[in-house]
Amino acid sequence: MKYTILLSVIFLISCGQGKKYHDNDKVEPATSDLVADILKYQKEQNESLKDPDTSPLPDKYRKNFEGLDFFEPDTAYLVKARFERTPDATPFMMPSTTDLQSQEVVYGIAHFRLNGKEHKLEVYQSLDLMGEGGYEDYLFLPFMDETNGEETYAGGRYIDLTIPEGDILVIDFNKSYNPYCVYNKKYSCPLVPRQNYLRTNVRAGVKNFIKD
């Protein structure tokens, strides 16, 4: 469930996250259930990095890999955003850490409150992936925040989302993950657009990864 570009192959593993949260009329699960879901996600991320078939880690790092460093689950970082669709947005080429680019369009803008402040983030849809099976409703949310370069990766983190049925988009920052190029330089990772910089600390999700 990583939005990255391998040098020889464009793109990524299917994301099936979060649909259970998209129906705003349903009863919200208890906080303990939300925390359990976050811990399950963390376990899946660690298992993926340990598995030689799915891990971006080079063998010399993977064989000694014990687990990622995560912030403690915090349901304050699971937000319900007002989702403003942008059907007239013009497609553009999103640059990456290499010469590769991906064709994206701003599918909508998420407006939400976090840490006592109002924020907004652009949410993207990959035109390269729309025709791939399993990606028909896939949305990509890259973001930066004030923990970058200290507690988290300097280049920002990603979140996988799906198109909601209504105008509420649930964003769980506890499920933010590092680009694959953090683990292996042979990957090419989309750069976070400057407009997706959050002027707050997002102490949720994965922390920076130090190889040595």
Protein backbone atom coordinates (compact mmCIF):
# COMPACT_ATOMS: atom_id res chain seq x y z
CA MET A 1 0.00 0.00 0.00
CA LYS A 2 2.81 2.35 -0.87
CA TYR A 3 2.60 5.09 -3.43
CA THR A 4 6.07 4.84 -4.95
CA ILE A 5 7.61 4.35 -8.38
CA LEU A 6 10.19 1.63 -8.90
CA LEU A 7 12.74 2.72 -11.52
CA SER A 8 11.76 -0.08 -13.86
CA VAL A 9 8.03 -0.29 -13.06
CA ILE A 10 5.42 2.34 -12.28
CA PHE A 11 3.55 1.79 -9.25
CA LEU A 12 2.24 0.23 -6.40
CA ILE A 13 0.35 -2.21 -4.37
CA SER A 14 -3.40 -2.12 -4.02
CA CYS A 15 -4.84 -0.09 -1.18
CA GLY A 16 -7.97 -1.26 0.53
CA GLN A 17 -7.95 1.05 3.48
CA GLY A 18 -10.69 2.93 5.23
CA LYS A 19 -13.93 2.23 3.40
CA LYS A 20 -15.61 1.32 6.67
CA TYR A 21 -15.24 4.94 7.78
CA HIS A 22 -16.67 6.59 4.68
CA ASP A 23 -20.35 6.19 5.50
CA ASN A 24 -20.97 9.05 7.87
CA ASP A 25 -24.38 7.66 8.83
CA LYS A 26 -22.91 4.57 10.46
CA VAL A 27 -22.23 4.34 14.15
CA GLU A 28 -18.61 5.22 14.91
CA PRO A 29 -16.60 2.32 16.35
CA ALA A 30 -15.40 2.64 19.92
CA THR A 31 -12.05 4.31 20.54
CA SER A 32 -10.54 0.95 21.52
CA ASP A 33 -11.55 -0.44 18.13
CA LEU A 34 -9.90 2.50 16.39
CA VAL A 35 -6.67 1.95 18.31
CA ALA A 36 -6.79 -1.75 17.51
CA ASP A 37 -7.17 -0.91 13.82
CA ILE A 38 -4.13 1.39 13.96
CA LEU A 39 -2.05 -1.29 15.70
CA LYS A 40 -3.14 -3.81 13.07
CA TYR A 41 -2.00 -1.40 10.36
CA GLN A 42 1.40 -0.99 12.06
CA LYS A 43 1.79 -4.77 12.26
CA GLU A 44 1.00 -5.10 8.55
CA GLN A 45 3.58 -2.46 7.68
CA ASN A 46 6.26 -4.28 9.65
CA GLU A 47 5.33 -7.62 8.10
CA SER A 48 5.53 -6.08 4.63
CA LEU A 49 9.03 -4.77 5.27
CA LYS A 50 10.18 -8.12 6.66
CA ASP A 51 8.83 -10.07 3.68
CA PRO A 52 11.47 -10.40 0.92
CA ASP A 53 8.69 -10.46 -1.70
CA THR A 54 7.25 -7.08 -0.69
CA SER A 55 10.01 -5.28 1.18
CA PRO A 56 11.80 -2.30 -0.39
CA LEU A 57 14.67 -2.83 2.04
CA PRO A 58 17.94 -4.14 0.58
CA ASP A 59 18.79 -7.58 1.93
CA LYS A 60 21.61 -6.28 4.12
CA TYR A 61 19.10 -4.14 6.05
CA ARG A 62 16.08 -6.42 5.83
CA LYS A 63 17.74 -9.42 7.48
CA ASN A 64 18.25 -7.40 10.68
CA PHE A 65 15.01 -5.43 10.46
CA GLU A 66 12.93 -5.72 13.63
CA GLY A 67 10.25 -3.10 13.07
CA LEU A 68 9.48 0.50 12.23
CA ASP A 69 9.29 3.21 14.84
CA PHE A 70 5.74 4.56 15.11
CA PHE A 71 4.16 7.28 17.18
CA GLU A 72 1.71 5.91 19.72
CA PRO A 73 -1.80 5.56 18.24
CA ASP A 74 -3.72 8.79 18.77
CA THR A 75 -7.33 9.08 17.61
CA ALA A 76 -7.05 12.89 17.71
CA TYR A 77 -5.20 12.47 14.41
CA LEU A 78 -8.15 10.71 12.78
CA VAL A 79 -10.08 13.62 11.26
CA LYS A 80 -13.28 14.03 9.32
CA ALA A 81 -12.54 16.47 6.55
CA ARG A 82 -15.01 18.41 4.45
CA PHE A 83 -14.17 17.21 0.97
CA GLU A 84 -14.47 19.77 -1.81
CA ARG A 85 -14.26 18.06 -5.20
CA THR A 86 -12.44 19.86 -8.04
CA PRO A 87 -13.81 18.35 -11.28
CA ASP A 88 -12.34 21.11 -13.45
CA ALA A 89 -8.77 20.72 -12.20
CA THR A 90 -6.09 20.51 -14.90
CA PRO A 91 -3.87 17.40 -14.89
CA PHE A 92 -0.18 17.97 -14.21
CA MET A 93 3.05 16.03 -13.99
CA MET A 94 4.14 15.46 -10.39
CA PRO A 95 7.93 15.46 -10.02
CA SER A 96 9.75 12.80 -8.05
CA THR A 97 13.09 12.12 -6.44
CA THR A 98 14.36 10.98 -9.87
CA ASP A 99 13.63 11.99 -13.45
CA LEU A 100 10.38 10.00 -13.45
CA GLN A 101 7.08 11.84 -13.14
CA SER A 102 3.50 10.73 -12.61
CA GLN A 103 0.42 12.26 -14.23
CA GLU A 104 -1.89 13.51 -11.48
CA VAL A 105 -4.99 15.62 -11.05
CA VAL A 106 -6.28 17.36 -7.94
CA TYR A 107 -9.39 15.29 -7.23
CA GLY A 108 -10.43 17.44 -4.31
CA ILE A 109 -9.41 19.55 -1.34
CA ALA A 110 -9.78 18.32 2.23
CA HIS A 111 -10.67 20.98 4.83
CA PHE A 112 -10.26 19.96 8.46
CA ARG A 113 -9.30 21.06 11.94
CA LEU A 114 -6.23 19.61 13.63
CA ASN A 115 -4.32 20.68 16.74
CA GLY A 116 -6.67 23.62 17.19
CA LYS A 117 -6.10 25.05 13.71
CA GLU A 118 -7.88 24.96 10.36
CA HIS A 119 -5.99 23.23 7.55
CA LYS A 120 -6.48 22.12 3.98
CA LEU A 121 -4.71 19.59 1.79
CA GLU A 122 -4.94 18.72 -1.88
CA VAL A 123 -5.86 15.11 -2.60
CA TYR A 124 -4.68 13.62 -5.87
CA GLN A 125 -5.83 10.98 -8.31
CA SER A 126 -3.26 9.29 -10.54
CA LEU A 127 -4.28 9.28 -14.18
CA ASP A 128 -1.62 6.61 -14.75
CA LEU A 129 -3.36 4.27 -12.32
CA MET A 130 -7.03 4.90 -13.13
CA GLY A 131 -7.09 2.12 -15.70
CA GLU A 132 -5.43 -0.42 -13.40
CA GLY A 133 -7.61 -2.95 -11.65
CA GLY A 134 -8.19 -2.07 -8.01
CA TYR A 135 -7.28 1.59 -8.38
CA GLU A 136 -10.55 2.96 -9.73
CA ASP A 137 -11.32 4.72 -6.43
CA TYR A 138 -7.74 5.26 -5.22
CA LEU A 139 -6.66 8.69 -3.94
CA PHE A 140 -3.18 9.82 -2.93
CA LEU A 141 -2.43 12.25 -0.11
CA PRO A 142 1.20 13.36 0.30
CA PHE A 143 1.90 15.88 3.04
CA MET A 144 4.64 17.58 5.01
CA ASP A 145 4.50 18.94 8.55
CA GLU A 146 6.70 20.49 11.20
CA THR A 147 8.08 17.17 12.43
CA ASN A 148 9.89 16.59 9.11
CA GLY A 149 13.65 16.44 9.36
CA GLU A 150 13.53 15.70 13.08
CA GLU A 151 11.05 13.07 14.20
CA THR A 152 9.92 12.13 10.70
CA TYR A 153 11.40 11.86 7.20
CA ALA A 154 12.48 15.24 5.84
CA GLY A 155 10.65 14.75 2.55
CA GLY A 156 7.23 14.17 4.09
CA ARG A 157 4.90 11.19 4.24
CA TYR A 158 2.01 9.64 2.29
CA ILE A 159 -1.51 8.42 3.07
CA ASP A 160 -3.61 6.11 0.85
CA LEU A 161 -7.31 6.97 0.58
CA THR A 162 -10.38 5.95 -1.38
CA ILE A 163 -13.01 8.16 -2.98
CA PRO A 164 -15.80 8.75 -0.44
CA GLU A 165 -19.46 8.50 -1.34
CA GLY A 166 -20.34 11.91 0.09
CA ASP A 167 -18.56 15.10 1.03
CA ILE A 168 -16.82 13.73 4.14
CA LEU A 169 -13.32 12.30 3.77
CA VAL A 170 -11.85 10.51 6.78
CA ILE A 171 -8.08 10.98 7.05
CA ASP A 172 -6.17 8.89 9.57
CA PHE A 173 -2.71 10.37 10.03
CA ASN A 174 -1.87 7.32 12.15
CA LYS A 175 -1.66 5.50 8.81
CA SER A 176 0.84 7.85 7.23
CA TYR A 177 3.86 6.03 5.83
CA ASN A 178 7.28 6.78 4.42
CA PRO A 179 8.03 6.86 0.69
CA TYR A 180 9.91 3.74 -0.42
CA CYS A 181 12.95 5.81 -1.36
CA VAL A 182 13.54 6.24 2.38
CA TYR A 183 14.40 2.56 2.49
CA ASN A 184 16.00 2.08 -0.91
CA LYS A 185 17.36 4.67 -3.36
CA LYS A 186 16.39 2.58 -6.39
CA TYR A 187 12.82 3.75 -5.87
CA SER A 188 11.52 7.01 -7.26
CA CYS A 189 9.07 8.80 -5.00
CA PRO A 190 6.68 11.67 -5.78
CA LEU A 191 7.67 14.95 -4.15
CA VAL A 192 5.13 16.54 -1.81
CA PRO A 193 3.71 19.72 -3.41
CA ARG A 194 4.50 22.81 -1.37
CA GLN A 195 0.80 23.57 -0.91
CA ASN A 196 0.49 20.37 1.13
CA TYR A 197 2.66 21.60 3.97
CA LEU A 198 0.84 21.52 7.31
CA ARG A 199 1.98 24.21 9.72
CA THR A 200 1.62 21.96 12.72
CA ASN A 201 3.23 18.88 14.23
CA VAL A 202 1.70 15.61 13.07
CA ARG A 203 2.93 13.21 15.72
CA ALA A 204 1.14 10.21 14.28
CA GLY A 205 2.07 7.45 11.90
CA VAL A 206 5.57 6.28 11.09
CA LYS A 207 8.68 8.05 12.29
CA ASN A 208 11.91 8.53 10.38
CA PHE A 209 13.84 5.41 9.40
CA ILE A 210 17.53 5.28 10.25
CA LYS A 211 19.41 2.50 8.48
CA ASP A 212 22.56 2.61 10.62
